[in-house]
Full PDB file with SEQRES, HELIX, SHEET, SSBOND, CRYST1, ORIGX, SCALE, CONECT and MASTER records, all heavy atoms in Angstrom:
SEQRES   1 A   39  TYR SER LEU ALA ASP THR ASN ASP ARG ALA ILE LEU GLN          
SEQRES   2 A   39  MET ASN VAL VAL ASP VAL ARG GLU ALA ALA GLY LYS SER          
SEQRES   3 A   39  ASN ASN MET GLU ARG ILE GLY PHE GLU LYS LYS MET ASP          
HELIX    1 AA1 VAL A   19  ALA A   22  5                                   4    
HELIX    2 AA2 SER A   26  ASN A   28  5                                   3    
HELIX    3 AA3 MET A   29  MET A   38  1                                  10    
SHEET    1 AA1 2 SER A   2  ALA A   4  0                                        
SHEET    2 AA1 2 ILE A  11  MET A  14 -1                                        
CRYST1    1.000    1.000    1.000  90.00  90.00  90.00 P 1           1          
ORIGX1      1.000000  0.000000  0.000000        0.00000                         
ORIGX2      0.000000  1.000000  0.000000        0.00000                         
ORIGX3      0.000000  0.000000  1.000000        0.00000                         
SCALE1      1.000000  0.000000  0.000000        0.00000                         
SCALE2      0.000000  1.000000  0.000000        0.00000                         
SCALE3      0.000000  0.000000  1.000000        0.00000                         
ATOM      1  N   TYR A   1      -3.072  -6.789   1.225  1.00  0.00           N  
ATOM      2  CA  TYR A   1      -3.110  -7.898   0.269  1.00  0.00           C  
ATOM      3  C   TYR A   1      -1.703  -8.154  -0.269  1.00  0.00           C  
ATOM      4  O   TYR A   1      -1.001  -7.218  -0.685  1.00  0.00           O  
ATOM      5  CB  TYR A   1      -4.058  -7.619  -0.901  1.00  0.00           C  
ATOM      6  CG  TYR A   1      -4.491  -8.904  -1.564  1.00  0.00           C  
ATOM      7  CD1 TYR A   1      -5.618  -9.584  -1.119  1.00  0.00           C  
ATOM      8  CD2 TYR A   1      -3.734  -9.483  -2.586  1.00  0.00           C  
ATOM      9  CE1 TYR A   1      -5.992 -10.786  -1.675  1.00  0.00           C  
ATOM     10  CE2 TYR A   1      -4.102 -10.677  -3.147  1.00  0.00           C  
ATOM     11  CZ  TYR A   1      -5.238 -11.327  -2.690  1.00  0.00           C  
ATOM     12  OH  TYR A   1      -5.585 -12.543  -3.235  1.00  0.00           O  
ATOM     13  N   SER A   2      -1.310  -9.431  -0.255  1.00  0.00           N  
ATOM     14  CA  SER A   2       0.045  -9.822  -0.646  1.00  0.00           C  
ATOM     15  C   SER A   2      -0.012 -10.861  -1.753  1.00  0.00           C  
ATOM     16  O   SER A   2      -0.867 -11.742  -1.743  1.00  0.00           O  
ATOM     17  CB  SER A   2       0.809 -10.405   0.552  1.00  0.00           C  
ATOM     18  OG  SER A   2       0.725  -9.557   1.676  1.00  0.00           O  
ATOM     19  N   LEU A   3       0.919 -10.754  -2.699  1.00  0.00           N  
ATOM     20  CA  LEU A   3       1.110 -11.754  -3.751  1.00  0.00           C  
ATOM     21  C   LEU A   3       2.538 -12.264  -3.661  1.00  0.00           C  
ATOM     22  O   LEU A   3       3.484 -11.475  -3.560  1.00  0.00           O  
ATOM     23  CB  LEU A   3       0.848 -11.158  -5.137  1.00  0.00           C  
ATOM     24  CG  LEU A   3      -0.616 -10.967  -5.544  1.00  0.00           C  
ATOM     25  CD1 LEU A   3      -0.698 -10.208  -6.870  1.00  0.00           C  
ATOM     26  CD2 LEU A   3      -1.333 -12.295  -5.669  1.00  0.00           C  
ATOM     27  N   ALA A   4       2.689 -13.590  -3.688  1.00  0.00           N  
ATOM     28  CA  ALA A   4       4.006 -14.194  -3.500  1.00  0.00           C  
ATOM     29  C   ALA A   4       4.226 -15.303  -4.520  1.00  0.00           C  
ATOM     30  O   ALA A   4       3.273 -15.864  -5.071  1.00  0.00           O  
ATOM     31  CB  ALA A   4       4.142 -14.748  -2.083  1.00  0.00           C  
ATOM     32  N   ASP A   5       5.494 -15.614  -4.763  1.00  0.00           N  
ATOM     33  CA  ASP A   5       5.868 -16.758  -5.597  1.00  0.00           C  
ATOM     34  C   ASP A   5       5.641 -18.027  -4.782  1.00  0.00           C  
ATOM     35  O   ASP A   5       6.234 -18.210  -3.719  1.00  0.00           O  
ATOM     36  CB  ASP A   5       7.335 -16.636  -6.013  1.00  0.00           C  
ATOM     37  CG  ASP A   5       7.750 -17.692  -7.025  1.00  0.00           C  
ATOM     38  OD1 ASP A   5       7.154 -18.792  -7.018  1.00  0.00           O  
ATOM     39  OD2 ASP A   5       8.666 -17.429  -7.821  1.00  0.00           O  
ATOM     40  N   THR A   6       4.774 -18.904  -5.261  1.00  0.00           N  
ATOM     41  CA  THR A   6       4.427 -20.108  -4.498  1.00  0.00           C  
ATOM     42  C   THR A   6       5.617 -21.036  -4.333  1.00  0.00           C  
ATOM     43  O   THR A   6       5.755 -21.695  -3.295  1.00  0.00           O  
ATOM     44  CB  THR A   6       3.277 -20.855  -5.203  1.00  0.00           C  
ATOM     45  OG1 THR A   6       2.164 -19.980  -5.341  1.00  0.00           O  
ATOM     46  CG2 THR A   6       2.847 -22.082  -4.411  1.00  0.00           C  
ATOM     47  N   ASN A   7       6.490 -21.104  -5.322  1.00  0.00           N  
ATOM     48  CA  ASN A   7       7.583 -22.076  -5.281  1.00  0.00           C  
ATOM     49  C   ASN A   7       8.663 -21.708  -4.269  1.00  0.00           C  
ATOM     50  O   ASN A   7       9.074 -22.556  -3.459  1.00  0.00           O  
ATOM     51  CB  ASN A   7       8.202 -22.233  -6.674  1.00  0.00           C  
ATOM     52  CG  ASN A   7       7.238 -22.888  -7.654  1.00  0.00           C  
ATOM     53  OD1 ASN A   7       6.415 -23.728  -7.266  1.00  0.00           O  
ATOM     54  ND2 ASN A   7       7.317 -22.517  -8.921  1.00  0.00           N  
ATOM     55  N   ASP A   8       9.147 -20.476  -4.292  1.00  0.00           N  
ATOM     56  CA  ASP A   8      10.205 -20.108  -3.345  1.00  0.00           C  
ATOM     57  C   ASP A   8       9.716 -19.167  -2.238  1.00  0.00           C  
ATOM     58  O   ASP A   8      10.502 -18.687  -1.433  1.00  0.00           O  
ATOM     59  CB  ASP A   8      11.404 -19.496  -4.069  1.00  0.00           C  
ATOM     60  CG  ASP A   8      11.085 -18.151  -4.702  1.00  0.00           C  
ATOM     61  OD1 ASP A   8       9.936 -17.672  -4.556  1.00  0.00           O  
ATOM     62  OD2 ASP A   8      11.980 -17.583  -5.344  1.00  0.00           O  
ATOM     63  N   ARG A   9       8.390 -18.867  -2.213  1.00  0.00           N  
ATOM     64  CA  ARG A   9       7.745 -18.148  -1.113  1.00  0.00           C  
ATOM     65  C   ARG A   9       8.291 -16.736  -0.912  1.00  0.00           C  
ATOM     66  O   ARG A   9       8.407 -16.246   0.213  1.00  0.00           O  
ATOM     67  CB  ARG A   9       7.871 -18.948   0.189  1.00  0.00           C  
ATOM     68  CG  ARG A   9       7.284 -20.345   0.073  1.00  0.00           C  
ATOM     69  CD  ARG A   9       7.356 -21.102   1.365  1.00  0.00           C  
ATOM     70  NE  ARG A   9       6.681 -22.398   1.249  1.00  0.00           N  
ATOM     71  CZ  ARG A   9       6.492 -23.238   2.263  1.00  0.00           C  
ATOM     72  NH1 ARG A   9       6.935 -22.918   3.464  1.00  0.00           N  
ATOM     73  NH2 ARG A   9       5.872 -24.385   2.058  1.00  0.00           N  
ATOM     74  N   ALA A  10       8.626 -16.076  -2.004  1.00  0.00           N  
ATOM     75  CA  ALA A  10       9.094 -14.688  -1.935  1.00  0.00           C  
ATOM     76  C   ALA A  10       7.920 -13.746  -2.174  1.00  0.00           C  
ATOM     77  O   ALA A  10       7.141 -13.930  -3.114  1.00  0.00           O  
ATOM     78  CB  ALA A  10      10.185 -14.444  -2.967  1.00  0.00           C  
ATOM     79  N   ILE A  11       7.787 -12.707  -1.336  1.00  0.00           N  
ATOM     80  CA  ILE A  11       6.744 -11.712  -1.506  1.00  0.00           C  
ATOM     81  C   ILE A  11       7.124 -10.831  -2.692  1.00  0.00           C  
ATOM     82  O   ILE A  11       8.187 -10.207  -2.702  1.00  0.00           O  
ATOM     83  CB  ILE A  11       6.575 -10.851  -0.239  1.00  0.00           C  
ATOM     84  CG1 ILE A  11       6.327 -11.736   0.993  1.00  0.00           C  
ATOM     85  CG2 ILE A  11       5.430  -9.857  -0.422  1.00  0.00           C  
ATOM     86  CD1 ILE A  11       5.079 -12.566   0.930  1.00  0.00           C  
ATOM     87  N   LEU A  12       6.253 -10.760  -3.706  1.00  0.00           N  
ATOM     88  CA  LEU A  12       6.527  -9.991  -4.917  1.00  0.00           C  
ATOM     89  C   LEU A  12       5.751  -8.682  -4.983  1.00  0.00           C  
ATOM     90  O   LEU A  12       6.198  -7.730  -5.624  1.00  0.00           O  
ATOM     91  CB  LEU A  12       6.193 -10.828  -6.164  1.00  0.00           C  
ATOM     92  CG  LEU A  12       6.938 -12.161  -6.310  1.00  0.00           C  
ATOM     93  CD1 LEU A  12       6.498 -12.855  -7.596  1.00  0.00           C  
ATOM     94  CD2 LEU A  12       8.446 -11.955  -6.309  1.00  0.00           C  
ATOM     95  N   GLN A  13       4.578  -8.646  -4.374  1.00  0.00           N  
ATOM     96  CA  GLN A  13       3.749  -7.446  -4.392  1.00  0.00           C  
ATOM     97  C   GLN A  13       2.961  -7.360  -3.094  1.00  0.00           C  
ATOM     98  O   GLN A  13       2.598  -8.386  -2.509  1.00  0.00           O  
ATOM     99  CB  GLN A  13       2.767  -7.465  -5.568  1.00  0.00           C  
ATOM    100  CG  GLN A  13       3.310  -6.897  -6.873  1.00  0.00           C  
ATOM    101  CD  GLN A  13       3.424  -5.380  -6.832  1.00  0.00           C  
ATOM    102  OE1 GLN A  13       3.666  -4.776  -5.798  1.00  0.00           O  
ATOM    103  NE2 GLN A  13       3.274  -4.746  -7.983  1.00  0.00           N  
ATOM    104  N   MET A  14       2.680  -6.137  -2.673  1.00  0.00           N  
ATOM    105  CA  MET A  14       1.945  -5.955  -1.424  1.00  0.00           C  
ATOM    106  C   MET A  14       1.405  -4.522  -1.385  1.00  0.00           C  
ATOM    107  O   MET A  14       2.071  -3.590  -1.809  1.00  0.00           O  
ATOM    108  CB  MET A  14       2.876  -6.207  -0.236  1.00  0.00           C  
ATOM    109  CG  MET A  14       2.248  -6.069   1.127  1.00  0.00           C  
ATOM    110  SD  MET A  14       3.485  -6.312   2.402  1.00  0.00           S  
ATOM    111  CE  MET A  14       4.665  -5.048   1.948  1.00  0.00           C  
ATOM    112  N   ASN A  15       0.186  -4.376  -0.881  1.00  0.00           N  
ATOM    113  CA  ASN A  15      -0.356  -3.038  -0.699  1.00  0.00           C  
ATOM    114  C   ASN A  15      -1.442  -3.052   0.361  1.00  0.00           C  
ATOM    115  O   ASN A  15      -1.959  -4.113   0.722  1.00  0.00           O  
ATOM    116  CB  ASN A  15      -0.908  -2.473  -2.015  1.00  0.00           C  
ATOM    117  CG  ASN A  15      -2.219  -3.122  -2.415  1.00  0.00           C  
ATOM    118  OD1 ASN A  15      -2.381  -4.329  -2.293  1.00  0.00           O  
ATOM    119  ND2 ASN A  15      -3.143  -2.327  -2.903  1.00  0.00           N  
ATOM    120  N   VAL A  16      -1.766  -1.869   0.871  1.00  0.00           N  
ATOM    121  CA  VAL A  16      -2.817  -1.702   1.864  1.00  0.00           C  
ATOM    122  C   VAL A  16      -3.989  -0.994   1.200  1.00  0.00           C  
ATOM    123  O   VAL A  16      -3.819   0.064   0.590  1.00  0.00           O  
ATOM    124  CB  VAL A  16      -2.324  -0.893   3.085  1.00  0.00           C  
ATOM    125  CG1 VAL A  16      -3.476  -0.632   4.043  1.00  0.00           C  
ATOM    126  CG2 VAL A  16      -1.209  -1.649   3.796  1.00  0.00           C  
ATOM    127  N   VAL A  17      -5.181  -1.585   1.310  1.00  0.00           N  
ATOM    128  CA  VAL A  17      -6.400  -0.994   0.757  1.00  0.00           C  
ATOM    129  C   VAL A  17      -7.205  -0.398   1.906  1.00  0.00           C  
ATOM    130  O   VAL A  17      -7.438  -1.061   2.917  1.00  0.00           O  
ATOM    131  CB  VAL A  17      -7.231  -2.050   0.003  1.00  0.00           C  
ATOM    132  CG1 VAL A  17      -8.506  -1.412  -0.563  1.00  0.00           C  
ATOM    133  CG2 VAL A  17      -6.418  -2.685  -1.105  1.00  0.00           C  
ATOM    134  N   ASP A  18      -7.616   0.859   1.752  1.00  0.00           N  
ATOM    135  CA  ASP A  18      -8.457   1.536   2.727  1.00  0.00           C  
ATOM    136  C   ASP A  18      -9.915   1.356   2.323  1.00  0.00           C  
ATOM    137  O   ASP A  18     -10.248   1.312   1.131  1.00  0.00           O  
ATOM    138  CB  ASP A  18      -8.098   3.023   2.778  1.00  0.00           C  
ATOM    139  CG  ASP A  18      -8.743   3.751   3.948  1.00  0.00           C  
ATOM    140  OD1 ASP A  18      -9.969   3.966   3.894  1.00  0.00           O  
ATOM    141  OD2 ASP A  18      -8.028   4.093   4.906  1.00  0.00           O  
ATOM    142  N   VAL A  19     -10.798   1.263   3.304  1.00  0.00           N  
ATOM    143  CA  VAL A  19     -12.208   1.041   3.006  1.00  0.00           C  
ATOM    144  C   VAL A  19     -12.799   2.190   2.187  1.00  0.00           C  
ATOM    145  O   VAL A  19     -13.806   2.009   1.474  1.00  0.00           O  
ATOM    146  CB  VAL A  19     -12.999   0.826   4.314  1.00  0.00           C  
ATOM    147  CG1 VAL A  19     -13.163   2.136   5.078  1.00  0.00           C  
ATOM    148  CG2 VAL A  19     -14.358   0.192   4.055  1.00  0.00           C  
ATOM    149  N   ARG A  20     -12.178   3.366   2.235  1.00  0.00           N  
ATOM    150  CA  ARG A  20     -12.652   4.495   1.430  1.00  0.00           C  
ATOM    151  C   ARG A  20     -12.450   4.244  -0.066  1.00  0.00           C  
ATOM    152  O   ARG A  20     -13.156   4.801  -0.900  1.00  0.00           O  
ATOM    153  CB  ARG A  20     -11.937   5.773   1.856  1.00  0.00           C  
ATOM    154  CG  ARG A  20     -12.429   6.337   3.175  1.00  0.00           C  
ATOM    155  CD  ARG A  20     -11.562   7.463   3.686  1.00  0.00           C  
ATOM    156  NE  ARG A  20     -10.340   6.964   4.302  1.00  0.00           N  
ATOM    157  CZ  ARG A  20      -9.507   7.691   5.047  1.00  0.00           C  
ATOM    158  NH1 ARG A  20      -9.783   8.970   5.279  1.00  0.00           N  
ATOM    159  NH2 ARG A  20      -8.430   7.166   5.578  1.00  0.00           N  
ATOM    160  N   GLU A  21     -11.472   3.392  -0.399  1.00  0.00           N  
ATOM    161  CA  GLU A  21     -11.265   3.022  -1.798  1.00  0.00           C  
ATOM    162  C   GLU A  21     -12.304   2.023  -2.281  1.00  0.00           C  
ATOM    163  O   GLU A  21     -12.429   1.789  -3.487  1.00  0.00           O  
ATOM    164  CB  GLU A  21      -9.865   2.426  -1.971  1.00  0.00           C  
ATOM    165  CG  GLU A  21      -8.728   3.354  -1.574  1.00  0.00           C  
ATOM    166  CD  GLU A  21      -7.387   2.668  -1.663  1.00  0.00           C  
ATOM    167  OE1 GLU A  21      -6.986   2.305  -2.794  1.00  0.00           O  
ATOM    168  OE2 GLU A  21      -6.735   2.477  -0.617  1.00  0.00           O  
ATOM    169  N   ALA A  22     -13.040   1.416  -1.357  1.00  0.00           N  
ATOM    170  CA  ALA A  22     -14.058   0.423  -1.692  1.00  0.00           C  
ATOM    171  C   ALA A  22     -15.461   0.958  -1.447  1.00  0.00           C  
ATOM    172  O   ALA A  22     -16.384   0.186  -1.177  1.00  0.00           O  
ATOM    173  CB  ALA A  22     -13.835  -0.850  -0.880  1.00  0.00           C  
ATOM    174  N   ALA A  23     -15.623   2.265  -1.505  1.00  0.00           N  
ATOM    175  CA  ALA A  23     -16.919   2.919  -1.292  1.00  0.00           C  
ATOM    176  C   ALA A  23     -17.528   2.552   0.052  1.00  0.00           C  
ATOM    177  O   ALA A  23     -18.744   2.429   0.184  1.00  0.00           O  
ATOM    178  CB  ALA A  23     -17.888   2.562  -2.423  1.00  0.00           C  
ATOM    179  N   GLY A  24     -16.666   2.357   1.052  1.00  0.00           N  
ATOM    180  CA  GLY A  24     -17.146   2.057   2.398  1.00  0.00           C  
ATOM    181  C   GLY A  24     -17.546   0.622   2.625  1.00  0.00           C  
ATOM    182  O   GLY A  24     -18.046   0.289   3.706  1.00  0.00           O  
ATOM    183  N   LYS A  25     -17.346  -0.263   1.645  1.00  0.00           N  
ATOM    184  CA  LYS A  25     -17.740  -1.667   1.773  1.00  0.00           C  
ATOM    185  C   LYS A  25     -16.492  -2.527   1.995  1.00  0.00           C  
ATOM    186  O   LYS A  25     -15.719  -2.772   1.074  1.00  0.00           O  
ATOM    187  CB  LYS A  25     -18.485  -2.131   0.525  1.00  0.00           C  
ATOM    188  CG  LYS A  25     -19.770  -1.350   0.261  1.00  0.00           C  
ATOM    189  CD  LYS A  25     -20.445  -1.801  -1.021  1.00  0.00           C  
ATOM    190  CE  LYS A  25     -21.716  -1.001  -1.286  1.00  0.00           C  
ATOM    191  NZ  LYS A  25     -22.375  -1.407  -2.552  1.00  0.00           N  
ATOM    192  N   SER A  26     -16.309  -2.986   3.236  1.00  0.00           N  
ATOM    193  CA  SER A  26     -15.093  -3.712   3.577  1.00  0.00           C  
ATOM    194  C   SER A  26     -14.988  -5.055   2.858  1.00  0.00           C  
ATOM    195  O   SER A  26     -13.884  -5.567   2.654  1.00  0.00           O  
ATOM    196  CB  SER A  26     -15.022  -3.927   5.095  1.00  0.00           C  
ATOM    197  OG  SER A  26     -16.165  -4.629   5.554  1.00  0.00           O  
ATOM    198  N   ASN A  27     -16.129  -5.642   2.456  1.00  0.00           N  
ATOM    199  CA  ASN A  27     -16.084  -6.920   1.742  1.00  0.00           C  
ATOM    200  C   ASN A  27     -15.391  -6.808   0.390  1.00  0.00           C  
ATOM    201  O   ASN A  27     -14.914  -7.812  -0.151  1.00  0.00           O  
ATOM    202  CB  ASN A  27     -17.507  -7.453   1.530  1.00  0.00           C  
ATOM    203  CG  ASN A  27     -18.111  -8.010   2.794  1.00  0.00           C  
ATOM    204  OD1 ASN A  27     -17.401  -8.313   3.744  1.00  0.00           O  
ATOM    205  ND2 ASN A  27     -19.419  -8.137   2.833  1.00  0.00           N  
ATOM    206  N   ASN A  28     -15.354  -5.600  -0.173  1.00  0.00           N  
ATOM    207  CA  ASN A  28     -14.764  -5.416  -1.505  1.00  0.00           C  
ATOM    208  C   ASN A  28     -13.264  -5.148  -1.465  1.00  0.00           C  
ATOM    209  O   ASN A  28     -12.622  -5.121  -2.511  1.00  0.00           O  
ATOM    210  CB  ASN A  28     -15.454  -4.251  -2.228  1.00  0.00           C  
ATOM    211  CG  ASN A  28     -16.923  -4.511  -2.474  1.00  0.00           C  
ATOM    212  OD1 ASN A  28     -17.365  -5.658  -2.470  1.00  0.00           O  
ATOM    213  ND2 ASN A  28     -17.701  -3.456  -2.673  1.00  0.00           N  
ATOM    214  N   MET A  29     -12.701  -4.931  -0.271  1.00  0.00           N  
ATOM    215  CA  MET A  29     -11.298  -4.517  -0.195  1.00  0.00           C  
ATOM    216  C   MET A  29     -10.347  -5.586  -0.701  1.00  0.00           C  
ATOM    217  O   MET A  29      -9.371  -5.285  -1.396  1.00  0.00           O  
ATOM    218  CB  MET A  29     -10.942  -4.141   1.251  1.00  0.00           C  
ATOM    219  CG  MET A  29     -11.600  -2.865   1.735  1.00  0.00           C  
ATOM    220  SD  MET A  29     -10.855  -2.228   3.240  1.00  0.00           S  
ATOM    221  CE  MET A  29     -11.230  -3.541   4.394  1.00  0.00           C  
ATOM    222  N   GLU A  30     -10.614  -6.852  -0.371  1.00  0.00           N  
ATOM    223  CA  GLU A  30      -9.699  -7.922  -0.786  1.00  0.00           C  
ATOM    224  C   GLU A  30      -9.673  -8.059  -2.302  1.00  0.00           C  
ATOM    225  O   GLU A  30      -8.615  -8.243  -2.900  1.00  0.00           O  
ATOM    226  CB  GLU A  30     -10.105  -9.248  -0.132  1.00  0.00           C  
ATOM    227  CG  GLU A  30      -9.087 -10.353  -0.343  1.00  0.00           C  
ATOM    228  CD  GLU A  30      -9.282 -11.525   0.597  1.00  0.00           C  
ATOM    229  OE1 GLU A  30     -10.040 -11.387   1.575  1.00  0.00           O  
ATOM    230  OE2 GLU A  30      -8.679 -12.578   0.358  1.00  0.00           O  
ATOM    231  N   ARG A  31     -10.827  -7.935  -2.934  1.00  0.00           N  
ATOM    232  CA  ARG A  31     -10.880  -8.016  -4.399  1.00  0.00           C  
ATOM    233  C   ARG A  31     -10.138  -6.858  -5.042  1.00  0.00           C  
ATOM    234  O   ARG A  31      -9.413  -7.029  -6.027  1.00  0.00           O  
ATOM    235  CB  ARG A  31     -12.338  -8.052  -4.848  1.00  0.00           C  
ATOM    236  CG  ARG A  31     -12.540  -8.354  -6.342  1.00  0.00           C  
ATOM    237  CD  ARG A  31     -12.777  -7.085  -7.143  1.00  0.00           C  
ATOM    238  NE  ARG A  31     -13.893  -6.337  -6.607  1.00  0.00           N  
ATOM    239  CZ  ARG A  31     -14.113  -5.071  -6.899  1.00  0.00           C  
ATOM    240  NH1 ARG A  31     -13.284  -4.394  -7.689  1.00  0.00           N  
ATOM    241  NH2 ARG A  31     -15.146  -4.422  -6.371  1.00  0.00           N  
ATOM    242  N   ILE A  32     -10.274  -5.651  -4.465  1.00  0.00           N  
ATOM    243  CA  ILE A  32      -9.579  -4.478  -5.006  1.00  0.00           C  
ATOM    244  C   ILE A  32      -8.064  -4.643  -4.870  1.00  0.00           C  
ATOM    245  O   ILE A  32      -7.303  -4.369  -5.804  1.00  0.00           O  
ATOM    246  CB  ILE A  32     -10.063  -3.200  -4.289  1.00  0.00           C  
ATOM    247  CG1 ILE A  32     -11.516  -2.906  -4.657  1.00  0.00           C  
ATOM    248  CG2 ILE A  32      -9.173  -2.007  -4.638  1.00  0.00           C  
ATOM    249  CD1 ILE A  32     -12.129  -1.764  -3.868  1.00  0.00           C  
ATOM    250  N   GLY A  33      -7.604  -5.100  -3.690  1.00  0.00           N  
ATOM    251  CA  GLY A  33      -6.180  -5.321  -3.496  1.00  0.00           C  
ATOM    252  C   GLY A  33      -5.630  -6.372  -4.438  1.00  0.00           C  
ATOM    253  O   GLY A  33      -4.536  -6.232  -4.993  1.00  0.00           O  
ATOM    254  N   PHE A  34      -6.388  -7.431  -4.650  1.00  0.00           N  
ATOM    255  CA  PHE A  34      -5.973  -8.501  -5.565  1.00  0.00           C  
ATOM    256  C   PHE A  34      -5.837  -7.972  -6.989  1.00  0.00           C  
ATOM    257  O   PHE A  34      -4.825  -8.213  -7.667  1.00  0.00           O  
ATOM    258  CB  PHE A  34      -7.004  -9.638  -5.516  1.00  0.00           C  
ATOM    259  CG  PHE A  34      -6.816 -10.685  -6.575  1.00  0.00           C  
ATOM    260  CD1 PHE A  34      -5.907 -11.706  -6.403  1.00  0.00           C  
ATOM    261  CD2 PHE A  34      -7.566 -10.656  -7.743  1.00  0.00           C  
ATOM    262  CE1 PHE A  34      -5.726 -12.676  -7.377  1.00  0.00           C  
ATOM    263  CE2 PHE A  34      -7.405 -11.626  -8.721  1.00  0.00           C  
ATOM    264  CZ  PHE A  34      -6.488 -12.639  -8.532  1.00  0.00           C  
ATOM    265  N   GLU A  35      -6.841  -7.242  -7.458  1.00  0.00           N  
ATOM    266  CA  GLU A  35      -6.827  -6.770  -8.844  1.00  0.00           C  
ATOM    267  C   GLU A  35      -5.699  -5.774  -9.084  1.00  0.00           C  
ATOM    268  O   GLU A  35      -5.035  -5.809 -10.125  1.00  0.00           O  
ATOM    269  CB  GLU A  35      -8.177  -6.134  -9.181  1.00  0.00           C  
ATOM    270  CG  GLU A  35      -8.342  -5.800 -10.658  1.00  0.00           C  
ATOM    271  CD  GLU A  35      -9.753  -5.364 -11.006  1.00  0.00           C  
ATOM    272  OE1 GLU A  35     -10.549  -5.123 -10.078  1.00  0.00           O  
ATOM    273  OE2 GLU A  35     -10.062  -5.267 -12.201  1.00  0.00           O  
ATOM    274  N   LYS A  36      -5.451  -4.874  -8.129  1.00  0.00           N  
ATOM    275  CA  LYS A  36      -4.375  -3.898  -8.277  1.00  0.00           C  
ATOM    276  C   LYS A  36      -3.026  -4.581  -8.471  1.00  0.00           C  
ATOM    277  O   LYS A  36      -2.253  -4.244  -9.366  1.00  0.00           O  
ATOM    278  CB  LYS A  36      -4.320  -2.986  -7.045  1.00  0.00           C  
ATOM    279  CG  LYS A  36      -5.327  -1.852  -7.039  1.00  0.00           C  
ATOM    280  CD  LYS A  36      -5.085  -0.970  -5.830  1.00  0.00           C  
ATOM    281  CE  LYS A  36      -6.003   0.247  -5.823  1.00  0.00           C  
ATOM    282  NZ  LYS A  36      -5.737   1.114  -4.648  1.00  0.00           N  
ATOM    283  N   LYS A  37      -2.739  -5.531  -7.619  1.00  0.00           N  
ATOM    284  CA  LYS A  37      -1.427  -6.175  -7.668  1.00  0.00           C  
ATOM    285  C   LYS A  37      -1.306  -7.139  -8.840  1.00  0.00           C  
ATOM    286  O   LYS A  37      -0.235  -7.285  -9.434  1.00  0.00           O  
ATOM    287  CB  LYS A  37      -1.161  -6.919  -6.351  1.00  0.00           C  
ATOM    288  CG  LYS A  37      -1.120  -6.014  -5.127  1.00  0.00           C  
ATOM    289  CD  LYS A  37       0.011  -5.004  -5.203  1.00  0.00           C  
ATOM    290  CE  LYS A  37      -0.398  -3.610  -5.604  1.00  0.00           C  
ATOM    291  NZ  LYS A  37       0.686  -2.618  -5.616  1.00  0.00           N  
ATOM    292  N   MET A  38      -2.406  -7.822  -9.188  1.00  0.00           N  
ATOM    293  CA  MET A  38      -2.374  -8.718 -10.345  1.00  0.00           C  
ATOM    294  C   MET A  38      -2.092  -7.940 -11.626  1.00  0.00           C  
ATOM    295  O   MET A  38      -1.299  -8.376 -12.478  1.00  0.00           O  
ATOM    296  CB  MET A  38      -3.702  -9.460 -10.461  1.00  0.00           C  
ATOM    297  CG  MET A  38      -3.848 -10.648  -9.542  1.00  0.00           C  
ATOM    298  SD  MET A  38      -2.865 -12.067 -10.079  1.00  0.00           S  
ATOM    299  CE  MET A  38      -3.763 -12.571 -11.544  1.00  0.00           C  
ATOM    300  N   ASP A  39      -2.723  -6.796 -11.785  1.00  0.00           N  
ATOM    301  CA  ASP A  39      -2.532  -6.007 -12.998  1.00  0.00           C  
ATOM    302  C   ASP A  39      -1.088  -5.537 -13.136  1.00  0.00           C  
ATOM    303  O   ASP A  39      -0.566  -5.399 -14.252  1.00  0.00           O  
ATOM    304  CB  ASP A  39      -3.479  -4.805 -13.001  1.00  0.00           C  
ATOM    305  CG  ASP A  39      -4.934  -5.221 -13.187  1.00  0.00           C  
ATOM    306  OD1 ASP A  39      -5.178  -6.415 -13.480  1.00  0.00           O  
ATOM    307  OD2 ASP A  39      -5.830  -4.373 -13.018  1.00  0.00           O  
TER     308      ASP A  39                                                      
MASTER        0    0    0    3    2    0    0    6  307    1    0    3          
END                                                                             
């Protein structure tokens, strides 16, 4: 999951979420990655 500045398109945050962090549910990984980097 990546977060970038929309105006100048610079990557500001990025991380890899493993399905084990989402209790084995791959649908939840994107939300977990988003929340981690947003916080």
